[in-house]
């Protein structure tokens, strides 16, 4: 869900969102903190 929200905030020009967007593109390591977790287990969706 945070991927959806942060991508939308970035696209519509909300301030202070670059760091969050970078984390989402990197597989959300701030959310999925398990060191052995596969990054592709995050379903990065934009809308539903």
ModelCIF file with pLDDT and N, C-alpha, C, O atoms, coordinates in Angstrom:
data_MODEL
#
_entry.id   MODEL 
#
_entity.id                         1 
_entity.type                       polymer 
_entity.pdbx_number_of_molecules   1 
#
_entity_poly.entity_id                      1 
_entity_poly.type                           'polypeptide(L)' 
_entity_poly.nstd_linkage                   no 
_entity_poly.nstd_monomer                   no 
_entity_poly.pdbx_seq_one_letter_code       
;(UNK)(UNK)(UNK)(UNK)(UNK)(UNK)(UNK)(UNK)(UNK)(UNK)(UNK)(UNK)(UNK)(UNK)(UNK)(UNK)
(UNK)(UNK)(UNK)(UNK)(UNK)(UNK)(UNK)(UNK)(UNK)(UNK)(UNK)(UNK)(UNK)(UNK)(UNK)(UNK)
(UNK)(UNK)(UNK)(UNK)(UNK)(UNK)(UNK)(UNK)(UNK)(UNK)(UNK)(UNK)(UNK)(UNK)(UNK)(UNK)
;
_entity_poly.pdbx_seq_one_letter_code_can   XXXXXXXXXXXXXXXXXXXXXXXXXXXXXXXXXXXXXXXXXXXXXXXX 
_entity_poly.pdbx_strand_id                 A 
#
loop_
_entity_poly_seq.entity_id 
_entity_poly_seq.num 
_entity_poly_seq.mon_id 
_entity_poly_seq.hetero 
1 1  UNK n 
1 2  UNK n 
1 3  UNK n 
1 4  UNK n 
1 5  UNK n 
1 6  UNK n 
1 7  UNK n 
1 8  UNK n 
1 9  UNK n 
1 10 UNK n 
1 11 UNK n 
1 12 UNK n 
1 13 UNK n 
1 14 UNK n 
1 15 UNK n 
1 16 UNK n 
1 17 UNK n 
1 18 UNK n 
1 19 UNK n 
1 20 UNK n 
1 21 UNK n 
1 22 UNK n 
1 23 UNK n 
1 24 UNK n 
1 25 UNK n 
1 26 UNK n 
1 27 UNK n 
1 28 UNK n 
1 29 UNK n 
1 30 UNK n 
1 31 UNK n 
1 32 UNK n 
1 33 UNK n 
1 34 UNK n 
1 35 UNK n 
1 36 UNK n 
1 37 UNK n 
1 38 UNK n 
1 39 UNK n 
1 40 UNK n 
1 41 UNK n 
1 42 UNK n 
1 43 UNK n 
1 44 UNK n 
1 45 UNK n 
1 46 UNK n 
1 47 UNK n 
1 48 UNK n 
#
_struct_asym.id          A 
_struct_asym.entity_id   1 
#
loop_
_ma_qa_metric.id 
_ma_qa_metric.mode 
_ma_qa_metric.name 
_ma_qa_metric.software_group_id 
_ma_qa_metric.type 
1 global pLDDT . pLDDT 
2 local  pLDDT . pLDDT 
#
_ma_qa_metric_global.metric_id      1 
_ma_qa_metric_global.metric_value   90.75 
_ma_qa_metric_global.model_id       1 
_ma_qa_metric_global.ordinal_id     1 
#
loop_
_ma_qa_metric_local.label_asym_id 
_ma_qa_metric_local.label_comp_id 
_ma_qa_metric_local.label_seq_id 
_ma_qa_metric_local.metric_id 
_ma_qa_metric_local.metric_value 
_ma_qa_metric_local.model_id 
_ma_qa_metric_local.ordinal_id 
A UNK 1  2 93.00 1 1  
A UNK 2  2 95.00 1 2  
A UNK 3  2 95.00 1 3  
A UNK 4  2 93.00 1 4  
A UNK 5  2 92.00 1 5  
A UNK 6  2 94.00 1 6  
A UNK 7  2 93.00 1 7  
A UNK 8  2 91.00 1 8  
A UNK 9  2 90.00 1 9  
A UNK 10 2 92.00 1 10 
A UNK 11 2 89.00 1 11 
A UNK 12 2 83.00 1 12 
A UNK 13 2 87.00 1 13 
A UNK 14 2 90.00 1 14 
A UNK 15 2 93.00 1 15 
A UNK 16 2 93.00 1 16 
A UNK 17 2 94.00 1 17 
A UNK 18 2 95.00 1 18 
A UNK 19 2 95.00 1 19 
A UNK 20 2 95.00 1 20 
A UNK 21 2 96.00 1 21 
A UNK 22 2 96.00 1 22 
A UNK 23 2 95.00 1 23 
A UNK 24 2 94.00 1 24 
A UNK 25 2 92.00 1 25 
A UNK 26 2 91.00 1 26 
A UNK 27 2 91.00 1 27 
A UNK 28 2 94.00 1 28 
A UNK 29 2 93.00 1 29 
A UNK 30 2 93.00 1 30 
A UNK 31 2 94.00 1 31 
A UNK 32 2 93.00 1 32 
A UNK 33 2 89.00 1 33 
A UNK 34 2 85.00 1 34 
A UNK 35 2 81.00 1 35 
A UNK 36 2 80.00 1 36 
A UNK 37 2 80.00 1 37 
A UNK 38 2 81.00 1 38 
A UNK 39 2 79.00 1 39 
A UNK 40 2 83.00 1 40 
A UNK 41 2 87.00 1 41 
A UNK 42 2 93.00 1 42 
A UNK 43 2 95.00 1 43 
A UNK 44 2 95.00 1 44 
A UNK 45 2 92.00 1 45 
A UNK 46 2 91.00 1 46 
A UNK 47 2 90.00 1 47 
A UNK 48 2 91.00 1 48 
#
loop_
_atom_site.group_PDB 
_atom_site.id 
_atom_site.type_symbol 
_atom_site.label_atom_id 
_atom_site.label_alt_id 
_atom_site.label_comp_id 
_atom_site.label_asym_id 
_atom_site.label_entity_id 
_atom_site.label_seq_id 
_atom_site.pdbx_PDB_ins_code 
_atom_site.Cartn_x 
_atom_site.Cartn_y 
_atom_site.Cartn_z 
_atom_site.occupancy 
_atom_site.B_iso_or_equiv 
_atom_site.pdbx_formal_charge 
_atom_site.auth_seq_id 
_atom_site.auth_comp_id 
_atom_site.auth_asym_id 
_atom_site.auth_atom_id 
_atom_site.pdbx_PDB_model_num 
ATOM 1   N N  . UNK A 1 1  ? 0.799  -1.224  0.000   1.00 93.00 ? 1  UNK A N  1 
ATOM 2   C CA . UNK A 1 1  ? 0.000  0.000   0.000   1.00 93.00 ? 1  UNK A CA 1 
ATOM 3   C C  . UNK A 1 1  ? 0.829  1.269   0.000   1.00 93.00 ? 1  UNK A C  1 
ATOM 4   O O  . UNK A 1 1  ? 0.489  2.203   -0.727  1.00 93.00 ? 1  UNK A O  1 
ATOM 5   N N  . UNK A 1 2  ? 1.914  1.354   0.790   1.00 95.00 ? 2  UNK A N  1 
ATOM 6   C CA . UNK A 1 2  ? 2.746  2.561   0.744   1.00 95.00 ? 2  UNK A CA 1 
ATOM 7   C C  . UNK A 1 2  ? 3.341  2.837   -0.632  1.00 95.00 ? 2  UNK A C  1 
ATOM 8   O O  . UNK A 1 2  ? 3.522  4.001   -0.990  1.00 95.00 ? 2  UNK A O  1 
ATOM 9   N N  . UNK A 1 3  ? 3.655  1.792   -1.426  1.00 95.00 ? 3  UNK A N  1 
ATOM 10  C CA . UNK A 1 3  ? 4.151  2.029   -2.785  1.00 95.00 ? 3  UNK A CA 1 
ATOM 11  C C  . UNK A 1 3  ? 3.110  2.804   -3.588  1.00 95.00 ? 3  UNK A C  1 
ATOM 12  O O  . UNK A 1 3  ? 3.436  3.801   -4.232  1.00 95.00 ? 3  UNK A O  1 
ATOM 13  N N  . UNK A 1 4  ? 1.867  2.349   -3.549  1.00 93.00 ? 4  UNK A N  1 
ATOM 14  C CA . UNK A 1 4  ? 0.775  3.039   -4.248  1.00 93.00 ? 4  UNK A CA 1 
ATOM 15  C C  . UNK A 1 4  ? 0.687  4.500   -3.804  1.00 93.00 ? 4  UNK A C  1 
ATOM 16  O O  . UNK A 1 4  ? 0.614  5.405   -4.635  1.00 93.00 ? 4  UNK A O  1 
ATOM 17  N N  . UNK A 1 5  ? 0.694  4.720   -2.494  1.00 92.00 ? 5  UNK A N  1 
ATOM 18  C CA . UNK A 1 5  ? 0.489  6.065   -1.969  1.00 92.00 ? 5  UNK A CA 1 
ATOM 19  C C  . UNK A 1 5  ? 1.648  6.997   -2.310  1.00 92.00 ? 5  UNK A C  1 
ATOM 20  O O  . UNK A 1 5  ? 1.434  8.151   -2.682  1.00 92.00 ? 5  UNK A O  1 
ATOM 21  N N  . UNK A 1 6  ? 2.881  6.493   -2.182  1.00 94.00 ? 6  UNK A N  1 
ATOM 22  C CA . UNK A 1 6  ? 4.039  7.354   -2.409  1.00 94.00 ? 6  UNK A CA 1 
ATOM 23  C C  . UNK A 1 6  ? 4.242  7.659   -3.881  1.00 94.00 ? 6  UNK A C  1 
ATOM 24  O O  . UNK A 1 6  ? 4.644  8.770   -4.226  1.00 94.00 ? 6  UNK A O  1 
ATOM 25  N N  . UNK A 1 7  ? 3.970  6.685   -4.771  1.00 93.00 ? 7  UNK A N  1 
ATOM 26  C CA . UNK A 1 7  ? 4.062  6.961   -6.210  1.00 93.00 ? 7  UNK A CA 1 
ATOM 27  C C  . UNK A 1 7  ? 3.053  8.037   -6.598  1.00 93.00 ? 7  UNK A C  1 
ATOM 28  O O  . UNK A 1 7  ? 3.378  8.944   -7.363  1.00 93.00 ? 7  UNK A O  1 
ATOM 29  N N  . UNK A 1 8  ? 1.850  7.944   -6.084  1.00 91.00 ? 8  UNK A N  1 
ATOM 30  C CA . UNK A 1 8  ? 0.825  8.941   -6.402  1.00 91.00 ? 8  UNK A CA 1 
ATOM 31  C C  . UNK A 1 8  ? 1.227  10.319  -5.898  1.00 91.00 ? 8  UNK A C  1 
ATOM 32  O O  . UNK A 1 8  ? 1.069  11.314  -6.605  1.00 91.00 ? 8  UNK A O  1 
ATOM 33  N N  . UNK A 1 9  ? 1.744  10.378  -4.681  1.00 90.00 ? 9  UNK A N  1 
ATOM 34  C CA . UNK A 1 9  ? 2.153  11.665  -4.121  1.00 90.00 ? 9  UNK A CA 1 
ATOM 35  C C  . UNK A 1 9  ? 3.280  12.289  -4.945  1.00 90.00 ? 9  UNK A C  1 
ATOM 36  O O  . UNK A 1 9  ? 3.315  13.504  -5.141  1.00 90.00 ? 9  UNK A O  1 
ATOM 37  N N  . UNK A 1 10 ? 4.199  11.448  -5.426  1.00 92.00 ? 10 UNK A N  1 
ATOM 38  C CA . UNK A 1 10 ? 5.296  11.959  -6.245  1.00 92.00 ? 10 UNK A CA 1 
ATOM 39  C C  . UNK A 1 10 ? 4.790  12.490  -7.578  1.00 92.00 ? 10 UNK A C  1 
ATOM 40  O O  . UNK A 1 10 ? 5.170  13.580  -8.006  1.00 92.00 ? 10 UNK A O  1 
ATOM 41  N N  . UNK A 1 11 ? 3.922  11.706  -8.240  1.00 89.00 ? 11 UNK A N  1 
ATOM 42  C CA . UNK A 1 11 ? 3.439  12.095  -9.564  1.00 89.00 ? 11 UNK A CA 1 
ATOM 43  C C  . UNK A 1 11 ? 2.636  13.390  -9.505  1.00 89.00 ? 11 UNK A C  1 
ATOM 44  O O  . UNK A 1 11 ? 2.718  14.211  -10.419 1.00 89.00 ? 11 UNK A O  1 
ATOM 45  N N  . UNK A 1 12 ? 1.864  13.580  -8.441  1.00 83.00 ? 12 UNK A N  1 
ATOM 46  C CA . UNK A 1 12 ? 1.054  14.803  -8.378  1.00 83.00 ? 12 UNK A CA 1 
ATOM 47  C C  . UNK A 1 12 ? 1.791  15.979  -7.735  1.00 83.00 ? 12 UNK A C  1 
ATOM 48  O O  . UNK A 1 12 ? 1.219  17.050  -7.532  1.00 83.00 ? 12 UNK A O  1 
ATOM 49  N N  . UNK A 1 13 ? 3.085  15.757  -7.416  1.00 87.00 ? 13 UNK A N  1 
ATOM 50  C CA . UNK A 1 13 ? 3.919  16.884  -7.035  1.00 87.00 ? 13 UNK A CA 1 
ATOM 51  C C  . UNK A 1 13 ? 3.933  17.247  -5.573  1.00 87.00 ? 13 UNK A C  1 
ATOM 52  O O  . UNK A 1 13 ? 4.260  18.385  -5.235  1.00 87.00 ? 13 UNK A O  1 
ATOM 53  N N  . UNK A 1 14 ? 3.587  16.317  -4.680  1.00 90.00 ? 14 UNK A N  1 
ATOM 54  C CA . UNK A 1 14 ? 3.670  16.617  -3.251  1.00 90.00 ? 14 UNK A CA 1 
ATOM 55  C C  . UNK A 1 14 ? 5.126  16.835  -2.851  1.00 90.00 ? 14 UNK A C  1 
ATOM 56  O O  . UNK A 1 14 ? 6.006  16.144  -3.364  1.00 90.00 ? 14 UNK A O  1 
ATOM 57  N N  . UNK A 1 15 ? 5.405  17.777  -1.947  1.00 93.00 ? 15 UNK A N  1 
ATOM 58  C CA . UNK A 1 15 ? 6.797  18.037  -1.534  1.00 93.00 ? 15 UNK A CA 1 
ATOM 59  C C  . UNK A 1 15 ? 7.319  16.963  -0.589  1.00 93.00 ? 15 UNK A C  1 
ATOM 60  O O  . UNK A 1 15 ? 6.543  16.284  0.083   1.00 93.00 ? 15 UNK A O  1 
ATOM 61  N N  . UNK A 1 16 ? 8.643  16.816  -0.545  1.00 93.00 ? 16 UNK A N  1 
ATOM 62  C CA . UNK A 1 16 ? 9.305  15.960  0.423   1.00 93.00 ? 16 UNK A CA 1 
ATOM 63  C C  . UNK A 1 16 ? 9.061  14.482  0.267   1.00 93.00 ? 16 UNK A C  1 
ATOM 64  O O  . UNK A 1 16 ? 9.012  13.751  1.257   1.00 93.00 ? 16 UNK A O  1 
ATOM 65  N N  . UNK A 1 17 ? 8.906  14.028  -0.967  1.00 94.00 ? 17 UNK A N  1 
ATOM 66  C CA . UNK A 1 17 ? 8.522  12.629  -1.187  1.00 94.00 ? 17 UNK A CA 1 
ATOM 67  C C  . UNK A 1 17 ? 9.642  11.811  -1.833  1.00 94.00 ? 17 UNK A C  1 
ATOM 68  O O  . UNK A 1 17 ? 9.499  10.599  -1.992  1.00 94.00 ? 17 UNK A O  1 
ATOM 69  N N  . UNK A 1 18 ? 10.768 12.457  -2.212  1.00 95.00 ? 18 UNK A N  1 
ATOM 70  C CA . UNK A 1 18 ? 11.800 11.767  -2.979  1.00 95.00 ? 18 UNK A CA 1 
ATOM 71  C C  . UNK A 1 18 ? 12.404 10.606  -2.197  1.00 95.00 ? 18 UNK A C  1 
ATOM 72  O O  . UNK A 1 18 ? 12.628 9.535   -2.762  1.00 95.00 ? 18 UNK A O  1 
ATOM 73  N N  . UNK A 1 19 ? 12.672 10.800  -0.908  1.00 95.00 ? 19 UNK A N  1 
ATOM 74  C CA . UNK A 1 19 ? 13.282 9.723   -0.122  1.00 95.00 ? 19 UNK A CA 1 
ATOM 75  C C  . UNK A 1 19 ? 12.352 8.511   -0.044  1.00 95.00 ? 19 UNK A C  1 
ATOM 76  O O  . UNK A 1 19 ? 12.794 7.370   -0.182  1.00 95.00 ? 19 UNK A O  1 
ATOM 77  N N  . UNK A 1 20 ? 11.056 8.771   0.180   1.00 95.00 ? 20 UNK A N  1 
ATOM 78  C CA . UNK A 1 20 ? 10.096 7.669   0.246   1.00 95.00 ? 20 UNK A CA 1 
ATOM 79  C C  . UNK A 1 20 ? 10.011 6.941   -1.083  1.00 95.00 ? 20 UNK A C  1 
ATOM 80  O O  . UNK A 1 20 ? 9.960  5.711   -1.114  1.00 95.00 ? 20 UNK A O  1 
ATOM 81  N N  . UNK A 1 21 ? 9.996  7.695   -2.198  1.00 96.00 ? 21 UNK A N  1 
ATOM 82  C CA . UNK A 1 21 ? 9.920  7.066   -3.512  1.00 96.00 ? 21 UNK A CA 1 
ATOM 83  C C  . UNK A 1 21 ? 11.147 6.200   -3.767  1.00 96.00 ? 21 UNK A C  1 
ATOM 84  O O  . UNK A 1 21 ? 11.036 5.102   -4.313  1.00 96.00 ? 21 UNK A O  1 
ATOM 85  N N  . UNK A 1 22 ? 12.310 6.691   -3.375  1.00 96.00 ? 22 UNK A N  1 
ATOM 86  C CA . UNK A 1 22 ? 13.533 5.913   -3.570  1.00 96.00 ? 22 UNK A CA 1 
ATOM 87  C C  . UNK A 1 22 ? 13.450 4.587   -2.810  1.00 96.00 ? 22 UNK A C  1 
ATOM 88  O O  . UNK A 1 22 ? 13.865 3.548   -3.324  1.00 96.00 ? 22 UNK A O  1 
ATOM 89  N N  . UNK A 1 23 ? 12.913 4.624   -1.590  1.00 95.00 ? 23 UNK A N  1 
ATOM 90  C CA . UNK A 1 23 ? 12.769 3.398   -0.814  1.00 95.00 ? 23 UNK A CA 1 
ATOM 91  C C  . UNK A 1 23 ? 11.816 2.424   -1.499  1.00 95.00 ? 23 UNK A C  1 
ATOM 92  O O  . UNK A 1 23 ? 12.056 1.216   -1.507  1.00 95.00 ? 23 UNK A O  1 
ATOM 93  N N  . UNK A 1 24 ? 10.747 2.945   -2.068  1.00 94.00 ? 24 UNK A N  1 
ATOM 94  C CA . UNK A 1 24 ? 9.792  2.050   -2.748  1.00 94.00 ? 24 UNK A CA 1 
ATOM 95  C C  . UNK A 1 24 ? 10.436 1.392   -3.960  1.00 94.00 ? 24 UNK A C  1 
ATOM 96  O O  . UNK A 1 24 ? 10.240 0.198   -4.185  1.00 94.00 ? 24 UNK A O  1 
ATOM 97  N N  . UNK A 1 25 ? 11.200 2.143   -4.745  1.00 92.00 ? 25 UNK A N  1 
ATOM 98  C CA . UNK A 1 25 ? 11.843 1.596   -5.938  1.00 92.00 ? 25 UNK A CA 1 
ATOM 99  C C  . UNK A 1 25 ? 12.886 0.557   -5.556  1.00 92.00 ? 25 UNK A C  1 
ATOM 100 O O  . UNK A 1 25 ? 13.142 -0.372  -6.323  1.00 92.00 ? 25 UNK A O  1 
ATOM 101 N N  . UNK A 1 26 ? 13.483 0.698   -4.400  1.00 91.00 ? 26 UNK A N  1 
ATOM 102 C CA . UNK A 1 26 ? 14.521 -0.229  -3.935  1.00 91.00 ? 26 UNK A CA 1 
ATOM 103 C C  . UNK A 1 26 ? 13.947 -1.480  -3.273  1.00 91.00 ? 26 UNK A C  1 
ATOM 104 O O  . UNK A 1 26 ? 14.702 -2.311  -2.767  1.00 91.00 ? 26 UNK A O  1 
ATOM 105 N N  . UNK A 1 27 ? 12.615 -1.625  -3.269  1.00 91.00 ? 27 UNK A N  1 
ATOM 106 C CA . UNK A 1 27 ? 11.999 -2.805  -2.667  1.00 91.00 ? 27 UNK A CA 1 
ATOM 107 C C  . UNK A 1 27 ? 11.496 -2.573  -1.261  1.00 91.00 ? 27 UNK A C  1 
ATOM 108 O O  . UNK A 1 27 ? 11.219 -3.527  -0.533  1.00 91.00 ? 27 UNK A O  1 
ATOM 109 N N  . UNK A 1 28 ? 11.373 -1.296  -0.863  1.00 94.00 ? 28 UNK A N  1 
ATOM 110 C CA . UNK A 1 28 ? 10.836 -0.916  0.451   1.00 94.00 ? 28 UNK A CA 1 
ATOM 111 C C  . UNK A 1 28 ? 11.591 -1.569  1.605   1.00 94.00 ? 28 UNK A C  1 
ATOM 112 O O  . UNK A 1 28 ? 10.982 -2.262  2.419   1.00 94.00 ? 28 UNK A O  1 
ATOM 113 N N  . UNK A 1 29 ? 12.910 -1.362  1.691   1.00 93.00 ? 29 UNK A N  1 
ATOM 114 C CA . UNK A 1 29 ? 13.656 -1.958  2.809   1.00 93.00 ? 29 UNK A CA 1 
ATOM 115 C C  . UNK A 1 29 ? 13.254 -1.386  4.160   1.00 93.00 ? 29 UNK A C  1 
ATOM 116 O O  . UNK A 1 29 ? 13.517 -2.005  5.190   1.00 93.00 ? 29 UNK A O  1 
ATOM 117 N N  . UNK A 1 30 ? 12.619 -0.213  4.178   1.00 93.00 ? 30 UNK A N  1 
ATOM 118 C CA . UNK A 1 30 ? 12.141 0.353   5.443   1.00 93.00 ? 30 UNK A CA 1 
ATOM 119 C C  . UNK A 1 30 ? 10.897 -0.372  5.952   1.00 93.00 ? 30 UNK A C  1 
ATOM 120 O O  . UNK A 1 30 ? 10.571 -0.287  7.136   1.00 93.00 ? 30 UNK A O  1 
ATOM 121 N N  . UNK A 1 31 ? 10.201 -1.086  5.060   1.00 94.00 ? 31 UNK A N  1 
ATOM 122 C CA . UNK A 1 31 ? 9.003  -1.846  5.442   1.00 94.00 ? 31 UNK A CA 1 
ATOM 123 C C  . UNK A 1 31 ? 9.344  -3.314  5.628   1.00 94.00 ? 31 UNK A C  1 
ATOM 124 O O  . UNK A 1 31 ? 8.948  -3.929  6.618   1.00 94.00 ? 31 UNK A O  1 
ATOM 125 N N  . UNK A 1 32 ? 10.076 -3.873  4.680   1.00 93.00 ? 32 UNK A N  1 
ATOM 126 C CA . UNK A 1 32 ? 10.446 -5.291  4.712   1.00 93.00 ? 32 UNK A CA 1 
ATOM 127 C C  . UNK A 1 32 ? 11.888 -5.395  5.198   1.00 93.00 ? 32 UNK A C  1 
ATOM 128 O O  . UNK A 1 32 ? 12.829 -5.354  4.406   1.00 93.00 ? 32 UNK A O  1 
ATOM 129 N N  . UNK A 1 33 ? 12.043 -5.529  6.502   1.00 89.00 ? 33 UNK A N  1 
ATOM 130 C CA . UNK A 1 33 ? 13.362 -5.404  7.121   1.00 89.00 ? 33 UNK A CA 1 
ATOM 131 C C  . UNK A 1 33 ? 14.079 -6.735  7.308   1.00 89.00 ? 33 UNK A C  1 
ATOM 132 O O  . UNK A 1 33 ? 15.241 -6.760  7.713   1.00 89.00 ? 33 UNK A O  1 
ATOM 133 N N  . UNK A 1 34 ? 13.388 -7.856  7.013   1.00 85.00 ? 34 UNK A N  1 
ATOM 134 C CA . UNK A 1 34 ? 14.037 -9.153  7.180   1.00 85.00 ? 34 UNK A CA 1 
ATOM 135 C C  . UNK A 1 34 ? 15.206 -9.260  6.202   1.00 85.00 ? 34 UNK A C  1 
ATOM 136 O O  . UNK A 1 34 ? 15.007 -9.079  5.000   1.00 85.00 ? 34 UNK A O  1 
ATOM 137 N N  . UNK A 1 35 ? 16.399 -9.544  6.673   1.00 81.00 ? 35 UNK A N  1 
ATOM 138 C CA . UNK A 1 35 ? 17.582 -9.530  5.791   1.00 81.00 ? 35 UNK A CA 1 
ATOM 139 C C  . UNK A 1 35 ? 17.553 -10.574 4.687   1.00 81.00 ? 35 UNK A C  1 
ATOM 140 O O  . UNK A 1 35 ? 18.158 -10.376 3.634   1.00 81.00 ? 35 UNK A O  1 
ATOM 141 N N  . UNK A 1 36 ? 16.854 -11.689 4.916   1.00 80.00 ? 36 UNK A N  1 
ATOM 142 C CA . UNK A 1 36 ? 16.840 -12.759 3.912   1.00 80.00 ? 36 UNK A CA 1 
ATOM 143 C C  . UNK A 1 36 ? 15.576 -12.762 3.071   1.00 80.00 ? 36 UNK A C  1 
ATOM 144 O O  . UNK A 1 36 ? 15.333 -13.706 2.320   1.00 80.00 ? 36 UNK A O  1 
ATOM 145 N N  . UNK A 1 37 ? 14.769 -11.714 3.190   1.00 80.00 ? 37 UNK A N  1 
ATOM 146 C CA . UNK A 1 37 ? 13.510 -11.664 2.455   1.00 80.00 ? 37 UNK A CA 1 
ATOM 147 C C  . UNK A 1 37 ? 13.757 -11.276 0.996   1.00 80.00 ? 37 UNK A C  1 
ATOM 148 O O  . UNK A 1 37 ? 14.541 -10.368 0.721   1.00 80.00 ? 37 UNK A O  1 
ATOM 149 N N  . UNK A 1 38 ? 13.092 -11.961 0.062   1.00 81.00 ? 38 UNK A N  1 
ATOM 150 C CA . UNK A 1 38 ? 13.208 -11.620 -1.351  1.00 81.00 ? 38 UNK A CA 1 
ATOM 151 C C  . UNK A 1 38 ? 12.480 -10.305 -1.625  1.00 81.00 ? 38 UNK A C  1 
ATOM 152 O O  . UNK A 1 38 ? 11.311 -10.174 -1.261  1.00 81.00 ? 38 UNK A O  1 
ATOM 153 N N  . UNK A 1 39 ? 13.131 -9.336  -2.250  1.00 79.00 ? 39 UNK A N  1 
ATOM 154 C CA . UNK A 1 39 ? 12.477 -8.046  -2.496  1.00 79.00 ? 39 UNK A CA 1 
ATOM 155 C C  . UNK A 1 39 ? 11.269 -8.156  -3.419  1.00 79.00 ? 39 UNK A C  1 
ATOM 156 O O  . UNK A 1 39 ? 10.379 -7.305  -3.391  1.00 79.00 ? 39 UNK A O  1 
ATOM 157 N N  . UNK A 1 40 ? 11.242 -9.211  -4.239  1.00 83.00 ? 40 UNK A N  1 
ATOM 158 C CA . UNK A 1 40 ? 10.131 -9.347  -5.181  1.00 83.00 ? 40 UNK A CA 1 
ATOM 159 C C  . UNK A 1 40 ? 8.844  -9.828  -4.524  1.00 83.00 ? 40 UNK A C  1 
ATOM 160 O O  . UNK A 1 40 ? 7.831  -9.969  -5.209  1.00 83.00 ? 40 UNK A O  1 
ATOM 161 N N  . UNK A 1 41 ? 8.850  -10.084 -3.219  1.00 87.00 ? 41 UNK A N  1 
ATOM 162 C CA . UNK A 1 41 ? 7.611  -10.439 -2.530  1.00 87.00 ? 41 UNK A CA 1 
ATOM 163 C C  . UNK A 1 41 ? 6.755  -9.213  -2.246  1.00 87.00 ? 41 UNK A C  1 
ATOM 164 O O  . UNK A 1 41 ? 5.637  -9.343  -1.745  1.00 87.00 ? 41 UNK A O  1 
ATOM 165 N N  . UNK A 1 42 ? 7.254  -8.047  -2.552  1.00 93.00 ? 42 UNK A N  1 
ATOM 166 C CA . UNK A 1 42 ? 6.446  -6.829  -2.479  1.00 93.00 ? 42 UNK A CA 1 
ATOM 167 C C  . UNK A 1 42 ? 5.722  -6.650  -3.804  1.00 93.00 ? 42 UNK A C  1 
ATOM 168 O O  . UNK A 1 42 ? 6.357  -6.515  -4.850  1.00 93.00 ? 42 UNK A O  1 
ATOM 169 N N  . UNK A 1 43 ? 4.379  -6.650  -3.759  1.00 95.00 ? 43 UNK A N  1 
ATOM 170 C CA . UNK A 1 43 ? 3.597  -6.404  -4.970  1.00 95.00 ? 43 UNK A CA 1 
ATOM 171 C C  . UNK A 1 43 ? 3.416  -4.898  -5.101  1.00 95.00 ? 43 UNK A C  1 
ATOM 172 O O  . UNK A 1 43 ? 2.594  -4.297  -4.410  1.00 95.00 ? 43 UNK A O  1 
ATOM 173 N N  . UNK A 1 44 ? 4.194  -4.298  -5.996  1.00 95.00 ? 44 UNK A N  1 
ATOM 174 C CA . UNK A 1 44 ? 4.186  -2.848  -6.160  1.00 95.00 ? 44 UNK A CA 1 
ATOM 175 C C  . UNK A 1 44 ? 3.067  -2.456  -7.113  1.00 95.00 ? 44 UNK A C  1 
ATOM 176 O O  . UNK A 1 44 ? 3.220  -2.529  -8.332  1.00 95.00 ? 44 UNK A O  1 
ATOM 177 N N  . UNK A 1 45 ? 1.942  -2.040  -6.545  1.00 92.00 ? 45 UNK A N  1 
ATOM 178 C CA . UNK A 1 45 ? 0.806  -1.697  -7.391  1.00 92.00 ? 45 UNK A CA 1 
ATOM 179 C C  . UNK A 1 45 ? 0.550  -0.188  -7.331  1.00 92.00 ? 45 UNK A C  1 
ATOM 180 O O  . UNK A 1 45 ? 0.828  0.471   -6.329  1.00 92.00 ? 45 UNK A O  1 
ATOM 181 N N  . UNK A 1 46 ? 0.016  0.331   -8.429  1.00 91.00 ? 46 UNK A N  1 
ATOM 182 C CA . UNK A 1 46 ? -0.226 1.761   -8.545  1.00 91.00 ? 46 UNK A CA 1 
ATOM 183 C C  . UNK A 1 46 ? -1.673 2.105   -8.239  1.00 91.00 ? 46 UNK A C  1 
ATOM 184 O O  . UNK A 1 46 ? -1.956 3.106   -7.582  1.00 91.00 ? 46 UNK A O  1 
ATOM 185 N N  . UNK A 1 47 ? -2.590 1.269   -8.721  1.00 90.00 ? 47 UNK A N  1 
ATOM 186 C CA . UNK A 1 47 ? -3.997 1.475   -8.389  1.00 90.00 ? 47 UNK A CA 1 
ATOM 187 C C  . UNK A 1 47 ? -4.722 0.146   -8.520  1.00 90.00 ? 47 UNK A C  1 
ATOM 188 O O  . UNK A 1 47 ? -4.216 -0.799  -9.126  1.00 90.00 ? 47 UNK A O  1 
ATOM 189 N N  . UNK A 1 48 ? -5.927 0.089   -7.936  1.00 91.00 ? 48 UNK A N  1 
ATOM 190 C CA . UNK A 1 48 ? -6.693 -1.154  -7.935  1.00 91.00 ? 48 UNK A CA 1 
ATOM 191 C C  . UNK A 1 48 ? -8.177 -0.826  -7.861  1.00 91.00 ? 48 UNK A C  1 
ATOM 192 O O  . UNK A 1 48 ? -9.009 -1.733  -7.848  1.00 91.00 ? 48 UNK A O  1 
#
